[in-house]
Amino acid sequence: MLDKRTMARFALALPTRLTQVNEKSQEPLDLCTRNICSGGAFFKTDIPLEIGTEVELELTLSLMGNNAKSNQSHIRVKGAVLRKTGTGMAIGFENNHRTSPFSE
């Protein structure tokens, strides 16, 4: 099978907090990426969301060898579920995102 992806994917397990945009009363989901690229990520979950569901994501990135006060950073991005399988879901990212130092 030919891989048609145009962006390089990285097998990174990044802790992520996922919130559904239109379901503010629902508890956020704590997930982990299986792989990620600049355009999206695949998340392991037994209960994937429906295709088209809009989400807000907060990914935690460990920064090894960084001189900053914290060795973690948050990447905040919005996106939508593009595909779901029995083992998880693919979420495409919007082009705008925000990165900030981790704060308690």
N, C-alpha and C. Protein backbone atom coordinates (compact mmCIF):
# COMPACT_ATOMS: atom_id res chain seq x y z
N MET A 1 0.84 -1.18 0.00
CA MET A 1 0.00 0.00 0.00
C MET A 1 0.88 1.24 0.00
N LEU A 2 0.63 2.16 -0.88
CA LEU A 2 1.40 3.39 -1.03
C LEU A 2 0.95 4.42 -0.01
N ASP A 3 1.90 5.01 0.72
CA ASP A 3 1.59 6.05 1.69
C ASP A 3 1.54 7.38 0.97
N LYS A 4 0.36 8.03 0.95
CA LYS A 4 0.15 9.27 0.20
C LYS A 4 0.35 10.52 1.06
N ARG A 5 0.81 10.38 2.28
CA ARG A 5 0.99 11.53 3.15
C ARG A 5 2.08 12.45 2.61
N THR A 6 1.83 13.75 2.73
CA THR A 6 2.81 14.72 2.24
C THR A 6 3.69 15.27 3.36
N MET A 7 3.33 15.03 4.62
CA MET A 7 4.10 15.52 5.76
C MET A 7 4.74 14.36 6.51
N ALA A 8 5.95 14.57 6.97
CA ALA A 8 6.64 13.54 7.74
C ALA A 8 5.93 13.33 9.07
N ARG A 9 5.73 12.06 9.42
CA ARG A 9 5.11 11.70 10.70
C ARG A 9 6.18 11.20 11.65
N PHE A 10 5.95 11.46 12.93
CA PHE A 10 6.89 11.05 13.97
C PHE A 10 6.15 10.21 15.00
N ALA A 11 6.72 9.08 15.35
CA ALA A 11 6.13 8.18 16.34
C ALA A 11 6.43 8.72 17.73
N LEU A 12 5.62 9.68 18.16
CA LEU A 12 5.79 10.29 19.48
C LEU A 12 4.55 10.05 20.32
N ALA A 13 4.76 9.70 21.57
CA ALA A 13 3.67 9.51 22.52
C ALA A 13 3.59 10.76 23.39
N LEU A 14 2.78 11.73 22.96
CA LEU A 14 2.64 12.99 23.69
C LEU A 14 1.34 13.01 24.47
N PRO A 15 1.41 13.23 25.79
CA PRO A 15 0.17 13.36 26.57
C PRO A 15 -0.64 14.55 26.04
N THR A 16 -1.94 14.34 25.92
CA THR A 16 -2.81 15.36 25.33
C THR A 16 -4.13 15.43 26.08
N ARG A 17 -4.59 16.65 26.33
CA ARG A 17 -5.93 16.86 26.87
C ARG A 17 -6.81 17.35 25.73
N LEU A 18 -7.90 16.63 25.46
CA LEU A 18 -8.80 16.92 24.35
C LEU A 18 -10.14 17.38 24.90
N THR A 19 -10.63 18.51 24.39
CA THR A 19 -11.93 19.04 24.76
C THR A 19 -12.76 19.21 23.50
N GLN A 20 -14.00 18.72 23.53
CA GLN A 20 -14.89 18.91 22.39
C GLN A 20 -15.39 20.35 22.40
N VAL A 21 -15.30 21.04 21.25
CA VAL A 21 -15.64 22.46 21.16
C VAL A 21 -17.09 22.72 21.51
N ASN A 22 -18.01 21.95 20.99
CA ASN A 22 -19.44 22.20 21.19
C ASN A 22 -20.05 21.42 22.34
N GLU A 23 -19.23 20.79 23.15
CA GLU A 23 -19.71 19.99 24.28
C GLU A 23 -19.00 20.44 25.56
N LYS A 24 -19.18 21.70 25.93
CA LYS A 24 -18.48 22.26 27.09
C LYS A 24 -18.82 21.54 28.40
N SER A 25 -19.99 20.93 28.49
CA SER A 25 -20.37 20.25 29.72
C SER A 25 -19.70 18.88 29.86
N GLN A 26 -19.13 18.37 28.78
CA GLN A 26 -18.47 17.07 28.81
C GLN A 26 -17.05 17.19 29.35
N GLU A 27 -16.63 16.22 30.13
CA GLU A 27 -15.28 16.20 30.70
C GLU A 27 -14.23 16.08 29.60
N PRO A 28 -13.09 16.77 29.74
CA PRO A 28 -12.01 16.60 28.77
C PRO A 28 -11.48 15.16 28.80
N LEU A 29 -10.92 14.72 27.69
CA LEU A 29 -10.32 13.40 27.58
C LEU A 29 -8.82 13.52 27.67
N ASP A 30 -8.18 12.67 28.45
CA ASP A 30 -6.74 12.61 28.51
C ASP A 30 -6.29 11.46 27.62
N LEU A 31 -5.62 11.79 26.52
CA LEU A 31 -5.20 10.81 25.53
C LEU A 31 -3.70 10.90 25.31
N CYS A 32 -3.20 10.07 24.41
CA CYS A 32 -1.79 10.07 24.06
C CYS A 32 -1.67 9.88 22.55
N THR A 33 -0.79 10.67 21.92
CA THR A 33 -0.61 10.51 20.48
C THR A 33 0.11 9.19 20.19
N ARG A 34 -0.19 8.62 19.04
CA ARG A 34 0.59 7.47 18.56
C ARG A 34 1.60 7.95 17.54
N ASN A 35 1.17 8.92 16.71
CA ASN A 35 2.10 9.58 15.80
C ASN A 35 1.57 10.98 15.53
N ILE A 36 2.47 11.85 15.05
CA ILE A 36 2.11 13.25 14.89
C ILE A 36 2.91 13.87 13.75
N CYS A 37 2.31 14.86 13.09
CA CYS A 37 3.00 15.67 12.09
C CYS A 37 2.48 17.09 12.24
N SER A 38 2.94 18.01 11.43
CA SER A 38 2.51 19.40 11.57
C SER A 38 1.03 19.58 11.20
N GLY A 39 0.46 18.64 10.49
CA GLY A 39 -0.94 18.76 10.07
C GLY A 39 -1.94 18.00 10.91
N GLY A 40 -1.47 17.14 11.83
CA GLY A 40 -2.41 16.38 12.63
C GLY A 40 -1.73 15.27 13.41
N ALA A 41 -2.56 14.46 14.06
CA ALA A 41 -2.04 13.37 14.89
C ALA A 41 -3.05 12.25 14.96
N PHE A 42 -2.54 11.06 15.27
CA PHE A 42 -3.41 9.92 15.54
C PHE A 42 -3.36 9.66 17.04
N PHE A 43 -4.54 9.50 17.63
CA PHE A 43 -4.66 9.30 19.07
C PHE A 43 -5.20 7.92 19.37
N LYS A 44 -4.57 7.22 20.29
CA LYS A 44 -5.05 5.92 20.74
C LYS A 44 -6.25 6.14 21.65
N THR A 45 -7.35 5.46 21.35
CA THR A 45 -8.53 5.50 22.21
C THR A 45 -9.47 4.36 21.83
N ASP A 46 -10.12 3.79 22.82
CA ASP A 46 -11.09 2.72 22.57
C ASP A 46 -12.43 3.28 22.09
N ILE A 47 -12.65 4.58 22.34
CA ILE A 47 -13.92 5.19 21.98
C ILE A 47 -13.65 6.46 21.17
N PRO A 48 -13.37 6.32 19.86
CA PRO A 48 -13.11 7.50 19.04
C PRO A 48 -14.35 8.37 18.87
N LEU A 49 -14.13 9.67 18.73
CA LEU A 49 -15.22 10.61 18.49
C LEU A 49 -15.70 10.49 17.04
N GLU A 50 -16.86 11.04 16.78
CA GLU A 50 -17.44 10.99 15.43
C GLU A 50 -16.63 11.86 14.46
N ILE A 51 -16.57 11.45 13.22
CA ILE A 51 -15.89 12.21 12.18
C ILE A 51 -16.55 13.59 12.09
N GLY A 52 -15.71 14.63 12.03
CA GLY A 52 -16.19 16.00 11.97
C GLY A 52 -16.27 16.70 13.31
N THR A 53 -16.15 15.96 14.40
CA THR A 53 -16.21 16.57 15.72
C THR A 53 -15.07 17.58 15.87
N GLU A 54 -15.41 18.81 16.25
CA GLU A 54 -14.40 19.86 16.46
C GLU A 54 -13.86 19.75 17.87
N VAL A 55 -12.53 19.87 17.98
CA VAL A 55 -11.88 19.69 19.27
C VAL A 55 -10.82 20.78 19.51
N GLU A 56 -10.49 20.96 20.77
CA GLU A 56 -9.35 21.77 21.18
C GLU A 56 -8.39 20.82 21.87
N LEU A 57 -7.11 20.92 21.52
CA LEU A 57 -6.10 20.01 22.06
C LEU A 57 -5.03 20.79 22.81
N GLU A 58 -4.55 20.21 23.88
CA GLU A 58 -3.40 20.75 24.60
C GLU A 58 -2.40 19.61 24.74
N LEU A 59 -1.36 19.65 23.90
CA LEU A 59 -0.33 18.62 23.90
C LEU A 59 0.80 19.05 24.82
N THR A 60 1.37 18.11 25.57
CA THR A 60 2.49 18.41 26.45
C THR A 60 3.76 17.86 25.82
N LEU A 61 4.72 18.75 25.63
CA LEU A 61 5.98 18.41 24.98
C LEU A 61 7.11 18.55 25.99
N SER A 62 7.89 17.49 26.20
CA SER A 62 9.05 17.55 27.08
C SER A 62 10.21 18.19 26.34
N LEU A 63 10.90 19.09 26.99
CA LEU A 63 12.01 19.82 26.39
C LEU A 63 13.29 19.44 27.11
N MET A 64 14.00 18.48 26.59
CA MET A 64 15.24 18.01 27.21
C MET A 64 16.37 18.98 26.90
N GLY A 65 17.19 19.29 27.90
CA GLY A 65 18.34 20.14 27.69
C GLY A 65 17.99 21.60 27.49
N ASN A 66 16.80 21.99 27.89
CA ASN A 66 16.34 23.37 27.74
C ASN A 66 16.76 24.19 28.96
N ASN A 67 17.10 25.44 28.76
CA ASN A 67 17.50 26.31 29.86
C ASN A 67 16.33 27.06 30.48
N ALA A 68 15.12 26.80 30.00
CA ALA A 68 13.94 27.48 30.53
C ALA A 68 13.64 27.00 31.95
N LYS A 69 12.77 27.73 32.64
CA LYS A 69 12.40 27.37 34.01
C LYS A 69 11.75 25.99 34.08
N SER A 70 11.00 25.66 33.07
CA SER A 70 10.32 24.37 33.03
C SER A 70 10.88 23.54 31.89
N ASN A 71 10.83 22.24 32.05
CA ASN A 71 11.29 21.37 30.97
C ASN A 71 10.12 20.82 30.16
N GLN A 72 8.95 21.48 30.27
CA GLN A 72 7.79 21.10 29.48
C GLN A 72 7.17 22.32 28.83
N SER A 73 6.51 22.10 27.72
CA SER A 73 5.80 23.16 27.01
C SER A 73 4.45 22.61 26.58
N HIS A 74 3.47 23.51 26.47
CA HIS A 74 2.15 23.13 25.97
C HIS A 74 1.98 23.67 24.57
N ILE A 75 1.41 22.86 23.72
CA ILE A 75 1.04 23.29 22.38
C ILE A 75 -0.48 23.23 22.32
N ARG A 76 -1.11 24.36 22.08
CA ARG A 76 -2.56 24.42 22.01
C ARG A 76 -2.97 24.61 20.56
N VAL A 77 -3.88 23.74 20.11
CA VAL A 77 -4.31 23.78 18.71
C VAL A 77 -5.76 23.30 18.63
N LYS A 78 -6.48 23.81 17.65
CA LYS A 78 -7.84 23.34 17.37
C LYS A 78 -7.78 22.41 16.16
N GLY A 79 -8.77 21.55 16.05
CA GLY A 79 -8.81 20.64 14.93
C GLY A 79 -10.15 19.93 14.85
N ALA A 80 -10.19 18.89 14.02
CA ALA A 80 -11.41 18.10 13.84
C ALA A 80 -11.03 16.65 13.54
N VAL A 81 -11.91 15.75 13.95
CA VAL A 81 -11.71 14.33 13.68
C VAL A 81 -11.87 14.08 12.19
N LEU A 82 -10.84 13.51 11.58
CA LEU A 82 -10.86 13.22 10.14
C LEU A 82 -11.19 11.77 9.83
N ARG A 83 -10.79 10.88 10.75
CA ARG A 83 -10.93 9.43 10.52
C ARG A 83 -10.95 8.74 11.86
N LYS A 84 -11.68 7.62 11.94
CA LYS A 84 -11.66 6.83 13.17
C LYS A 84 -11.53 5.36 12.83
N THR A 85 -10.90 4.63 13.75
CA THR A 85 -10.71 3.19 13.59
C THR A 85 -11.05 2.54 14.92
N GLY A 86 -10.90 1.24 14.99
CA GLY A 86 -11.13 0.52 16.24
C GLY A 86 -10.08 0.81 17.30
N THR A 87 -8.95 1.37 16.90
CA THR A 87 -7.86 1.63 17.86
C THR A 87 -7.65 3.11 18.14
N GLY A 88 -8.40 3.99 17.46
CA GLY A 88 -8.21 5.41 17.72
C GLY A 88 -8.82 6.30 16.67
N MET A 89 -8.30 7.54 16.61
CA MET A 89 -8.83 8.53 15.67
C MET A 89 -7.74 9.47 15.19
N ALA A 90 -7.89 9.92 13.95
CA ALA A 90 -6.97 10.90 13.37
C ALA A 90 -7.63 12.27 13.47
N ILE A 91 -6.87 13.24 13.97
CA ILE A 91 -7.36 14.60 14.09
C ILE A 91 -6.47 15.52 13.26
N GLY A 92 -7.10 16.28 12.38
CA GLY A 92 -6.38 17.27 11.58
C GLY A 92 -6.34 18.58 12.33
N PHE A 93 -5.18 19.25 12.33
CA PHE A 93 -4.99 20.50 13.05
C PHE A 93 -5.34 21.69 12.15
N GLU A 94 -5.87 22.76 12.78
CA GLU A 94 -5.99 24.03 12.09
C GLU A 94 -4.59 24.62 11.97
N ASN A 95 -4.41 25.58 11.09
CA ASN A 95 -3.09 26.15 10.86
C ASN A 95 -2.55 27.00 12.00
N ASN A 96 -3.42 27.60 12.79
CA ASN A 96 -2.92 28.44 13.87
C ASN A 96 -2.81 27.64 15.17
N HIS A 97 -1.75 27.87 15.91
CA HIS A 97 -1.56 27.19 17.19
C HIS A 97 -0.78 28.10 18.11
N ARG A 98 -0.75 27.75 19.40
CA ARG A 98 -0.02 28.55 20.38
C ARG A 98 0.82 27.63 21.24
N THR A 99 2.07 28.00 21.44
CA THR A 99 2.98 27.25 22.29
C THR A 99 3.34 28.11 23.49
N SER A 100 3.29 27.53 24.69
CA SER A 100 3.61 28.28 25.89
C SER A 100 4.34 27.41 26.88
N PRO A 101 5.16 28.02 27.77
CA PRO A 101 5.84 27.23 28.80
C PRO A 101 4.81 26.60 29.73
N PHE A 102 5.14 25.47 30.27
CA PHE A 102 4.28 24.79 31.21
C PHE A 102 4.26 25.57 32.52
N SER A 103 3.07 25.78 33.07
CA SER A 103 2.96 26.45 34.38
C SER A 103 2.00 25.66 35.24
N GLU A 104 2.30 25.60 36.48
CA GLU A 104 1.48 24.84 37.44
C GLU A 104 0.20 25.58 37.73
